[in-house]
Amino acid sequence: MNDCTRRDFLKAAGAGTASQAVRWRNWKALRPAPDGPLELYNLAKDISEGQNVAAEHPDVIARIEAYLKTAHTDSPSWPIKVEKNKVFKSNASI
């Protein structure tokens, strides 16, 4: 993602869960659960984030996944525990 002039990264944690969101160009990627797949929305065409287009844009998902691996540093001040076999529900709208 070196070619973008701006990217926004958000990581939220609470009640033992974590979610991630990245805004890059017209794209917004959202991971509602720590071990879950990314959802992808084209904000230029779908500002309400009603249609997850991740399957149609694996190249964008790959670039954002690579960025996310570098955008997080574990910290004892912000521990995140992933509970295996727990069902997470997503509300894709923020």
C-alpha atoms as a PDB file:
ATOM      1  CA  MET A   1       0.000   0.000   0.000  1.00  0.00           C
ATOM      2  CA  ASN A   2       3.004   2.268  -0.482  1.00  0.00           C
ATOM      3  CA  ASP A   3       1.362   4.134  -3.339  1.00  0.00           C
ATOM      4  CA  CYS A   4      -1.476   5.606  -1.310  1.00  0.00           C
ATOM      5  CA  THR A   5      -1.131   9.041   0.187  1.00  0.00           C
ATOM      6  CA  ARG A   6      -3.448   8.340   3.101  1.00  0.00           C
ATOM      7  CA  ARG A   7      -4.824   5.349   4.895  1.00  0.00           C
ATOM      8  CA  ASP A   8      -6.775   5.237   8.107  1.00  0.00           C
ATOM      9  CA  PHE A   9      -6.505   2.331  10.509  1.00  0.00           C
ATOM     10  CA  LEU A  10      -8.786   1.588  13.428  1.00  0.00           C
ATOM     11  CA  LYS A  11      -8.542  -1.222  15.900  1.00  0.00           C
ATOM     12  CA  ALA A  12     -11.184  -1.540  18.572  1.00  0.00           C
ATOM     13  CA  ALA A  13     -11.162  -3.961  21.454  1.00  0.00           C
ATOM     14  CA  GLY A  14     -13.673  -4.647  24.134  1.00  0.00           C
ATOM     15  CA  ALA A  15     -15.058  -7.524  26.123  1.00  0.00           C
ATOM     16  CA  GLY A  16     -12.227  -9.774  24.931  1.00  0.00           C
ATOM     17  CA  THR A  17     -12.788  -9.212  21.218  1.00  0.00           C
ATOM     18  CA  ALA A  18     -11.169  -7.054  18.584  1.00  0.00           C
ATOM     19  CA  SER A  19     -12.133  -5.630  15.238  1.00  0.00           C
ATOM     20  CA  GLN A  20     -10.130  -3.846  12.582  1.00  0.00           C
ATOM     21  CA  ALA A  21     -11.079  -1.355   9.910  1.00  0.00           C
ATOM     22  CA  VAL A  22      -9.000   0.261   7.184  1.00  0.00           C
ATOM     23  CA  ARG A  23      -9.978   2.987   4.762  1.00  0.00           C
ATOM     24  CA  TRP A  24      -7.848   3.133   1.618  1.00  0.00           C
ATOM     25  CA  ARG A  25      -8.798   5.139  -1.470  1.00  0.00           C
ATOM     26  CA  ASN A  26     -12.475   4.287  -2.148  1.00  0.00           C
ATOM     27  CA  TRP A  27     -12.264   1.072  -0.138  1.00  0.00           C
ATOM     28  CA  LYS A  28     -13.179   0.265   3.414  1.00  0.00           C
ATOM     29  CA  ALA A  29     -12.115  -3.092   4.815  1.00  0.00           C
ATOM     30  CA  LEU A  30     -13.608  -4.366   8.032  1.00  0.00           C
ATOM     31  CA  ARG A  31     -12.710  -7.398  10.128  1.00  0.00           C
ATOM     32  CA  PRO A  32     -15.471  -7.697  12.743  1.00  0.00           C
ATOM     33  CA  ALA A  33     -13.890 -10.660  14.565  1.00  0.00           C
ATOM     34  CA  PRO A  34     -10.214 -11.337  15.361  1.00  0.00           C
ATOM     35  CA  ASP A  35      -9.949 -14.543  13.324  1.00  0.00           C
ATOM     36  CA  GLY A  36     -12.585 -13.622  10.746  1.00  0.00           C
ATOM     37  CA  PRO A  37     -12.191 -12.703   7.104  1.00  0.00           C
ATOM     38  CA  LEU A  38     -12.110  -9.135   5.888  1.00  0.00           C
ATOM     39  CA  GLU A  39     -15.252  -7.583   4.494  1.00  0.00           C
ATOM     40  CA  LEU A  40     -14.716  -5.049   1.708  1.00  0.00           C
ATOM     41  CA  TYR A  41     -16.897  -2.129   0.668  1.00  0.00           C
ATOM     42  CA  ASN A  42     -16.508   0.277  -2.249  1.00  0.00           C
ATOM     43  CA  LEU A  43     -17.531   3.553  -0.633  1.00  0.00           C
ATOM     44  CA  ALA A  44     -17.658   5.368  -3.984  1.00  0.00           C
ATOM     45  CA  LYS A  45     -20.522   3.117  -5.068  1.00  0.00           C
ATOM     46  CA  ASP A  46     -21.914   1.898  -1.739  1.00  0.00           C
ATOM     47  CA  ILE A  47     -21.618   4.522   1.001  1.00  0.00           C
ATOM     48  CA  SER A  48     -24.021   2.588   3.240  1.00  0.00           C
ATOM     49  CA  GLU A  49     -21.730  -0.483   3.173  1.00  0.00           C
ATOM     50  CA  GLY A  50     -24.546  -2.754   2.107  1.00  0.00           C
ATOM     51  CA  GLN A  51     -22.659  -5.024  -0.287  1.00  0.00           C
ATOM     52  CA  ASN A  52     -19.521  -6.904   0.755  1.00  0.00           C
ATOM     53  CA  VAL A  53     -17.416  -7.141  -2.438  1.00  0.00           C
ATOM     54  CA  ALA A  54     -14.394  -8.952  -0.964  1.00  0.00           C
ATOM     55  CA  ALA A  55     -14.848 -11.998  -3.204  1.00  0.00           C
ATOM     56  CA  GLU A  56     -14.766  -9.805  -6.328  1.00  0.00           C
ATOM     57  CA  HIS A  57     -11.558  -7.968  -5.338  1.00  0.00           C
ATOM     58  CA  PRO A  58      -8.973 -10.441  -3.971  1.00  0.00           C
ATOM     59  CA  ASP A  59      -6.169  -8.094  -5.049  1.00  0.00           C
ATOM     60  CA  VAL A  60      -7.449  -5.317  -2.784  1.00  0.00           C
ATOM     61  CA  ILE A  61      -7.975  -7.770   0.077  1.00  0.00           C
ATOM     62  CA  ALA A  62      -4.392  -9.053  -0.315  1.00  0.00           C
ATOM     63  CA  ARG A  63      -2.938  -5.526  -0.174  1.00  0.00           C
ATOM     64  CA  ILE A  64      -4.969  -4.590   2.883  1.00  0.00           C
ATOM     65  CA  GLU A  65      -4.140  -7.891   4.632  1.00  0.00           C
ATOM     66  CA  ALA A  66      -0.431  -7.191   4.055  1.00  0.00           C
ATOM     67  CA  TYR A  67      -0.818  -3.712   5.521  1.00  0.00           C
ATOM     68  CA  LEU A  68      -2.718  -4.995   8.560  1.00  0.00           C
ATOM     69  CA  LYS A  69       0.142  -7.348   9.395  1.00  0.00           C
ATOM     70  CA  THR A  70       2.423  -4.314   9.795  1.00  0.00           C
ATOM     71  CA  ALA A  71      -0.119  -1.963  11.419  1.00  0.00           C
ATOM     72  CA  HIS A  72      -0.467  -3.812  14.730  1.00  0.00           C
ATOM     73  CA  THR A  73       1.946  -4.223  17.597  1.00  0.00           C
ATOM     74  CA  ASP A  74       0.964  -6.381  20.556  1.00  0.00           C
ATOM     75  CA  SER A  75       0.929  -4.530  23.849  1.00  0.00           C
ATOM     76  CA  PRO A  76       0.403  -5.727  27.415  1.00  0.00           C
ATOM     77  CA  SER A  77      -1.588  -2.522  27.949  1.00  0.00           C
ATOM     78  CA  TRP A  78      -4.134  -3.631  25.335  1.00  0.00           C
ATOM     79  CA  PRO A  79      -4.345  -7.435  25.532  1.00  0.00           C
ATOM     80  CA  ILE A  80      -6.632  -9.158  23.067  1.00  0.00           C
ATOM     81  CA  LYS A  81      -7.681 -12.689  23.772  1.00  0.00           C
ATOM     82  CA  VAL A  82      -9.254 -14.687  20.980  1.00  0.00           C
ATOM     83  CA  GLU A  83     -11.784 -17.189  22.226  1.00  0.00           C
ATOM     84  CA  LYS A  84     -11.863 -20.233  19.981  1.00  0.00           C
ATOM     85  CA  ASN A  85     -15.243 -21.478  18.745  1.00  0.00           C
ATOM     86  CA  LYS A  86     -16.954 -18.247  19.768  1.00  0.00           C
ATOM     87  CA  VAL A  87     -19.511 -16.823  17.354  1.00  0.00           C
ATOM     88  CA  PHE A  88     -19.059 -13.141  16.527  1.00  0.00           C
ATOM     89  CA  LYS A  89     -21.864 -11.121  15.001  1.00  0.00           C
ATOM     90  CA  SER A  90     -21.048  -8.255  12.691  1.00  0.00           C
ATOM     91  CA  ASN A  91     -22.722  -4.934  12.124  1.00  0.00           C
ATOM     92  CA  ALA A  92     -20.894  -3.722   9.044  1.00  0.00           C
ATOM     93  CA  SER A  93     -22.151  -0.148   9.391  1.00  0.00           C
ATOM     94  CA  ILE A  94     -20.123   2.182  11.526  1.00  0.00           C
END
